[in-house]
Amino acid sequence: MALLPNRKDAIISSAKLKDYILSPNHPLGKFKAKFFEEAGYVQGSWEILAKDIRAQHLSKNATKGQPSSFGKKYEITAPLKGPKSIVMITSVWIILKGEEVPRLITLMPGGKKDEI
């Protein structure tokens, strides 16, 4: 295992967080929004989640993700200490073909509770 390549320059899109993952109205994101709200993350303060992902997740080991025709995917499964509680999540990243910087694709609830 190794750290995510070029993690210090990782791109975490504000739209990805506030309009999808933390959106209580997004058809798919609303289920994630409920999970993250329990940890203390809400759409109006998406910047806190971005900062915590950078500080807490990007310092953990990444594994190669599912193959993609768009580039190389990586996953990081680790605890995330939110404003209200600690949760286990998996962050999914991609380094697009022809690029060197990882981009956040999604965050998913999950992992082994005994790792928290």
N, C-alpha and C. Protein backbone atom coordinates (compact mmCIF):
# COMPACT_ATOMS: atom_id res chain seq x y z
N MET A 1 0.83 -1.18 0.00
CA MET A 1 0.00 0.00 0.00
C MET A 1 0.87 1.24 0.00
N ALA A 2 0.31 2.31 -0.53
CA ALA A 2 1.05 3.58 -0.61
C ALA A 2 0.07 4.74 -0.51
N LEU A 3 0.59 5.90 -0.31
CA LEU A 3 -0.24 7.10 -0.27
C LEU A 3 -0.69 7.45 -1.68
N LEU A 4 -1.81 8.15 -1.78
CA LEU A 4 -2.34 8.59 -3.07
C LEU A 4 -1.29 9.47 -3.77
N PRO A 5 -0.97 9.18 -5.03
CA PRO A 5 0.01 10.00 -5.75
C PRO A 5 -0.43 11.47 -5.83
N ASN A 6 0.50 12.37 -5.65
CA ASN A 6 0.26 13.82 -5.76
C ASN A 6 -0.91 14.30 -4.91
N ARG A 7 -1.05 13.69 -3.74
CA ARG A 7 -2.19 13.99 -2.86
C ARG A 7 -2.24 15.44 -2.41
N LYS A 8 -1.07 16.09 -2.31
CA LYS A 8 -1.07 17.49 -1.84
C LYS A 8 -1.77 18.42 -2.82
N ASP A 9 -1.90 18.01 -4.08
CA ASP A 9 -2.58 18.81 -5.10
C ASP A 9 -3.97 18.27 -5.44
N ALA A 10 -4.47 17.32 -4.65
CA ALA A 10 -5.75 16.68 -4.94
C ALA A 10 -6.87 17.71 -5.11
N ILE A 11 -7.74 17.43 -6.07
CA ILE A 11 -8.87 18.31 -6.37
C ILE A 11 -10.12 17.76 -5.70
N ILE A 12 -10.70 18.59 -4.84
CA ILE A 12 -11.98 18.26 -4.20
C ILE A 12 -12.96 19.34 -4.63
N SER A 13 -13.83 19.00 -5.55
CA SER A 13 -14.76 19.96 -6.13
C SER A 13 -15.83 20.38 -5.13
N SER A 14 -16.06 21.69 -5.02
CA SER A 14 -17.12 22.18 -4.13
C SER A 14 -18.47 21.64 -4.59
N ALA A 15 -18.68 21.58 -5.90
CA ALA A 15 -19.95 21.07 -6.43
C ALA A 15 -20.15 19.60 -6.06
N LYS A 16 -19.07 18.83 -6.07
CA LYS A 16 -19.15 17.40 -5.72
C LYS A 16 -19.67 17.25 -4.28
N LEU A 17 -19.16 18.09 -3.39
CA LEU A 17 -19.56 18.00 -1.99
C LEU A 17 -20.93 18.63 -1.74
N LYS A 18 -21.10 19.89 -2.12
CA LYS A 18 -22.34 20.58 -1.73
C LYS A 18 -23.54 20.23 -2.61
N ASP A 19 -23.32 19.92 -3.88
CA ASP A 19 -24.45 19.64 -4.78
C ASP A 19 -24.76 18.16 -4.95
N TYR A 20 -23.92 17.30 -4.38
CA TYR A 20 -24.15 15.86 -4.50
C TYR A 20 -24.07 15.17 -3.15
N ILE A 21 -22.89 15.07 -2.58
CA ILE A 21 -22.70 14.27 -1.37
C ILE A 21 -23.45 14.83 -0.16
N LEU A 22 -23.52 16.14 -0.02
CA LEU A 22 -24.19 16.74 1.13
C LEU A 22 -25.57 17.31 0.79
N SER A 23 -26.05 17.05 -0.42
CA SER A 23 -27.34 17.60 -0.84
C SER A 23 -28.51 16.73 -0.37
N PRO A 24 -29.38 17.28 0.46
CA PRO A 24 -30.55 16.51 0.90
C PRO A 24 -31.58 16.34 -0.21
N ASN A 25 -31.39 17.02 -1.35
CA ASN A 25 -32.35 16.95 -2.45
C ASN A 25 -31.86 16.16 -3.66
N HIS A 26 -30.60 15.79 -3.68
CA HIS A 26 -30.06 15.04 -4.82
C HIS A 26 -30.63 13.62 -4.79
N PRO A 27 -31.06 13.10 -5.94
CA PRO A 27 -31.67 11.75 -5.96
C PRO A 27 -30.81 10.65 -5.35
N LEU A 28 -29.50 10.69 -5.56
CA LEU A 28 -28.62 9.69 -4.98
C LEU A 28 -27.88 10.24 -3.75
N GLY A 29 -27.50 11.48 -3.82
CA GLY A 29 -26.72 12.09 -2.75
C GLY A 29 -27.47 12.23 -1.44
N LYS A 30 -28.80 12.31 -1.48
CA LYS A 30 -29.56 12.53 -0.24
C LYS A 30 -29.33 11.43 0.79
N PHE A 31 -29.04 10.23 0.35
CA PHE A 31 -28.76 9.14 1.28
C PHE A 31 -27.40 9.33 1.94
N LYS A 32 -26.44 9.82 1.17
CA LYS A 32 -25.12 10.13 1.72
C LYS A 32 -25.21 11.34 2.64
N ALA A 33 -26.02 12.33 2.24
CA ALA A 33 -26.17 13.55 3.04
C ALA A 33 -26.67 13.22 4.44
N LYS A 34 -27.59 12.29 4.54
CA LYS A 34 -28.12 11.89 5.85
C LYS A 34 -27.01 11.26 6.70
N PHE A 35 -26.21 10.40 6.11
CA PHE A 35 -25.10 9.77 6.81
C PHE A 35 -24.10 10.82 7.30
N PHE A 36 -23.71 11.72 6.41
CA PHE A 36 -22.71 12.72 6.78
C PHE A 36 -23.27 13.75 7.77
N GLU A 37 -24.57 14.01 7.69
CA GLU A 37 -25.18 14.93 8.66
C GLU A 37 -25.06 14.38 10.08
N GLU A 38 -25.20 13.08 10.23
CA GLU A 38 -25.06 12.46 11.56
C GLU A 38 -23.65 12.65 12.11
N ALA A 39 -22.66 12.80 11.23
CA ALA A 39 -21.29 13.04 11.67
C ALA A 39 -21.02 14.54 11.87
N GLY A 40 -21.99 15.38 11.47
CA GLY A 40 -21.87 16.81 11.67
C GLY A 40 -21.57 17.63 10.44
N TYR A 41 -21.65 17.01 9.27
CA TYR A 41 -21.38 17.72 8.02
C TYR A 41 -22.70 18.06 7.33
N VAL A 42 -22.85 19.33 6.95
CA VAL A 42 -24.06 19.76 6.25
C VAL A 42 -23.68 20.56 5.01
N GLN A 43 -24.64 20.68 4.11
CA GLN A 43 -24.41 21.32 2.82
C GLN A 43 -23.87 22.74 2.96
N GLY A 44 -24.38 23.50 3.90
CA GLY A 44 -23.98 24.90 4.06
C GLY A 44 -22.55 25.09 4.55
N SER A 45 -21.96 24.04 5.08
CA SER A 45 -20.57 24.14 5.54
C SER A 45 -19.73 23.02 4.93
N TRP A 46 -19.89 22.85 3.64
CA TRP A 46 -19.18 21.79 2.91
C TRP A 46 -17.67 21.93 3.02
N GLU A 47 -17.19 23.17 3.26
CA GLU A 47 -15.75 23.41 3.35
C GLU A 47 -15.11 22.63 4.49
N ILE A 48 -15.87 22.40 5.55
CA ILE A 48 -15.35 21.64 6.70
C ILE A 48 -15.06 20.20 6.27
N LEU A 49 -15.99 19.62 5.51
CA LEU A 49 -15.78 18.26 5.01
C LEU A 49 -14.56 18.21 4.09
N ALA A 50 -14.42 19.18 3.22
CA ALA A 50 -13.27 19.21 2.30
C ALA A 50 -11.96 19.29 3.10
N LYS A 51 -11.93 20.15 4.10
CA LYS A 51 -10.73 20.31 4.94
C LYS A 51 -10.42 19.01 5.69
N ASP A 52 -11.45 18.37 6.23
CA ASP A 52 -11.24 17.13 6.98
C ASP A 52 -10.78 15.98 6.08
N ILE A 53 -11.31 15.91 4.87
CA ILE A 53 -10.85 14.89 3.92
C ILE A 53 -9.36 15.10 3.62
N ARG A 54 -8.98 16.33 3.37
CA ARG A 54 -7.57 16.62 3.10
C ARG A 54 -6.67 16.25 4.28
N ALA A 55 -7.08 16.66 5.47
CA ALA A 55 -6.24 16.46 6.65
C ALA A 55 -6.23 15.01 7.13
N GLN A 56 -7.37 14.34 7.05
CA GLN A 56 -7.48 13.02 7.65
C GLN A 56 -7.38 11.86 6.66
N HIS A 57 -7.93 12.01 5.47
CA HIS A 57 -7.96 10.88 4.53
C HIS A 57 -6.73 10.83 3.65
N LEU A 58 -6.28 11.97 3.18
CA LEU A 58 -5.17 11.96 2.24
C LEU A 58 -3.85 11.59 2.89
N SER A 59 -3.84 11.44 4.20
CA SER A 59 -2.63 10.99 4.90
C SER A 59 -2.63 9.47 5.10
N LYS A 60 -3.67 8.81 4.63
CA LYS A 60 -3.81 7.35 4.78
C LYS A 60 -3.44 6.64 3.48
N ASN A 61 -3.15 5.36 3.60
CA ASN A 61 -2.80 4.55 2.43
C ASN A 61 -3.97 4.38 1.49
N ALA A 62 -3.68 4.35 0.20
CA ALA A 62 -4.67 4.16 -0.85
C ALA A 62 -4.45 2.80 -1.51
N THR A 63 -5.53 2.19 -1.95
CA THR A 63 -5.43 0.96 -2.73
C THR A 63 -5.95 1.25 -4.13
N LYS A 64 -5.51 0.46 -5.10
CA LYS A 64 -5.99 0.64 -6.47
C LYS A 64 -7.47 0.27 -6.51
N GLY A 65 -8.23 1.11 -7.21
CA GLY A 65 -9.66 0.90 -7.34
C GLY A 65 -10.01 0.11 -8.58
N GLN A 66 -11.28 0.12 -8.90
CA GLN A 66 -11.78 -0.59 -10.08
C GLN A 66 -11.18 0.00 -11.35
N PRO A 67 -10.92 -0.84 -12.34
CA PRO A 67 -10.37 -0.34 -13.60
C PRO A 67 -11.32 0.68 -14.25
N SER A 68 -10.75 1.65 -14.93
CA SER A 68 -11.55 2.66 -15.60
C SER A 68 -10.88 3.04 -16.91
N SER A 69 -11.68 3.26 -17.93
CA SER A 69 -11.13 3.70 -19.22
C SER A 69 -10.74 5.18 -19.16
N PHE A 70 -11.12 5.88 -18.09
CA PHE A 70 -10.83 7.31 -17.96
C PHE A 70 -9.50 7.58 -17.27
N GLY A 71 -8.98 6.59 -16.52
CA GLY A 71 -7.74 6.80 -15.80
C GLY A 71 -7.58 5.79 -14.68
N LYS A 72 -6.70 6.09 -13.72
CA LYS A 72 -6.43 5.19 -12.60
C LYS A 72 -7.25 5.61 -11.39
N LYS A 73 -7.98 4.65 -10.83
CA LYS A 73 -8.79 4.91 -9.65
C LYS A 73 -8.08 4.40 -8.40
N TYR A 74 -8.34 5.09 -7.31
CA TYR A 74 -7.79 4.72 -6.01
C TYR A 74 -8.88 4.86 -4.97
N GLU A 75 -8.76 4.07 -3.90
CA GLU A 75 -9.70 4.14 -2.79
C GLU A 75 -8.94 4.26 -1.48
N ILE A 76 -9.49 5.04 -0.59
CA ILE A 76 -8.96 5.17 0.76
C ILE A 76 -10.11 4.89 1.72
N THR A 77 -9.96 3.86 2.54
CA THR A 77 -10.96 3.56 3.57
C THR A 77 -10.31 3.82 4.92
N ALA A 78 -10.91 4.76 5.64
CA ALA A 78 -10.34 5.18 6.92
C ALA A 78 -11.39 5.94 7.72
N PRO A 79 -11.15 6.06 9.02
CA PRO A 79 -12.07 6.85 9.84
C PRO A 79 -12.00 8.33 9.46
N LEU A 80 -13.10 9.01 9.68
CA LEU A 80 -13.18 10.46 9.48
C LEU A 80 -13.82 11.04 10.73
N LYS A 81 -13.07 11.88 11.43
CA LYS A 81 -13.58 12.51 12.65
C LYS A 81 -14.32 13.77 12.25
N GLY A 82 -15.64 13.72 12.34
CA GLY A 82 -16.46 14.86 12.00
C GLY A 82 -16.73 15.73 13.21
N PRO A 83 -17.47 16.82 13.03
CA PRO A 83 -17.81 17.71 14.12
C PRO A 83 -18.61 17.04 15.24
N LYS A 84 -19.39 15.99 14.91
CA LYS A 84 -20.22 15.32 15.90
C LYS A 84 -19.75 13.91 16.27
N SER A 85 -19.18 13.20 15.30
CA SER A 85 -18.80 11.81 15.56
C SER A 85 -17.75 11.33 14.57
N ILE A 86 -17.23 10.15 14.85
CA ILE A 86 -16.27 9.51 13.95
C ILE A 86 -17.01 8.47 13.12
N VAL A 87 -16.80 8.52 11.82
CA VAL A 87 -17.43 7.56 10.91
C VAL A 87 -16.36 6.93 10.03
N MET A 88 -16.64 5.76 9.53
CA MET A 88 -15.75 5.09 8.59
C MET A 88 -16.28 5.38 7.19
N ILE A 89 -15.40 5.87 6.32
CA ILE A 89 -15.81 6.14 4.94
C ILE A 89 -14.75 5.64 3.97
N THR A 90 -15.17 5.52 2.73
CA THR A 90 -14.26 5.23 1.63
C THR A 90 -14.33 6.42 0.68
N SER A 91 -13.17 7.00 0.41
CA SER A 91 -13.10 8.05 -0.59
C SER A 91 -12.55 7.42 -1.87
N VAL A 92 -13.13 7.81 -3.00
CA VAL A 92 -12.73 7.26 -4.30
C VAL A 92 -12.17 8.41 -5.13
N TRP A 93 -10.99 8.17 -5.70
CA TRP A 93 -10.24 9.18 -6.44
C TRP A 93 -9.90 8.66 -7.82
N ILE A 94 -9.68 9.57 -8.75
CA ILE A 94 -9.22 9.18 -10.08
C ILE A 94 -8.13 10.15 -10.54
N ILE A 95 -7.13 9.59 -11.19
CA ILE A 95 -6.14 10.39 -11.91
C ILE A 95 -6.43 10.15 -13.38
N LEU A 96 -6.99 11.15 -14.02
CA LEU A 96 -7.41 11.02 -15.41
C LEU A 96 -6.21 10.80 -16.33
N LYS A 97 -6.45 10.09 -17.42
CA LYS A 97 -5.39 9.86 -18.40
C LYS A 97 -4.82 11.20 -18.85
N GLY A 98 -3.50 11.28 -18.88
CA GLY A 98 -2.83 12.50 -19.30
C GLY A 98 -2.66 13.53 -18.18
N GLU A 99 -3.17 13.20 -16.97
CA GLU A 99 -3.05 14.11 -15.83
C GLU A 99 -2.26 13.43 -14.73
N GLU A 100 -1.86 14.19 -13.74
CA GLU A 100 -1.10 13.65 -12.61
C GLU A 100 -1.77 13.91 -11.27
N VAL A 101 -2.82 14.71 -11.27
CA VAL A 101 -3.46 15.13 -10.03
C VAL A 101 -4.73 14.31 -9.78
N PRO A 102 -4.88 13.77 -8.57
CA PRO A 102 -6.10 13.01 -8.26
C PRO A 102 -7.30 13.93 -8.05
N ARG A 103 -8.45 13.44 -8.44
CA ARG A 103 -9.73 14.15 -8.27
C ARG A 103 -10.65 13.26 -7.44
N LEU A 104 -11.36 13.87 -6.51
CA LEU A 104 -12.34 13.12 -5.74
C LEU A 104 -13.52 12.76 -6.63
N ILE A 105 -13.86 11.47 -6.65
CA ILE A 105 -15.03 11.02 -7.41
C ILE A 105 -16.24 10.98 -6.48
N THR A 106 -16.07 10.32 -5.32
CA THR A 106 -17.18 10.19 -4.40
C THR A 106 -16.69 9.80 -3.01
N LEU A 107 -17.58 9.91 -2.06
CA LEU A 107 -17.36 9.42 -0.70
C LEU A 107 -18.48 8.43 -0.41
N MET A 108 -18.13 7.32 0.22
CA MET A 108 -19.13 6.30 0.53
C MET A 108 -19.03 5.90 1.99
N PRO A 109 -20.17 5.80 2.64
CA PRO A 109 -20.14 5.24 3.99
C PRO A 109 -19.62 3.82 3.90
N GLY A 110 -18.76 3.44 4.83
CA GLY A 110 -18.33 2.06 4.82
C GLY A 110 -16.94 1.82 5.36
N GLY A 111 -16.73 0.59 5.70
CA GLY A 111 -15.48 0.16 6.29
C GLY A 111 -15.78 -0.70 7.49
N LYS A 112 -14.75 -1.21 8.08
CA LYS A 112 -14.93 -2.07 9.25
C LYS A 112 -14.99 -1.22 10.51
N LYS A 113 -16.05 -1.40 11.27
CA LYS A 113 -16.23 -0.61 12.48
C LYS A 113 -15.08 -0.79 13.47
N ASP A 114 -14.46 -1.96 13.48
CA ASP A 114 -13.35 -2.18 14.44
C ASP A 114 -12.10 -1.40 14.06
N GLU A 115 -12.11 -0.73 12.88
CA GLU A 115 -10.97 0.09 12.47
C GLU A 115 -11.08 1.50 13.02
N ILE A 116 -12.24 1.87 13.53
CA ILE A 116 -12.46 3.23 14.03
C ILE A 116 -11.72 3.43 15.33
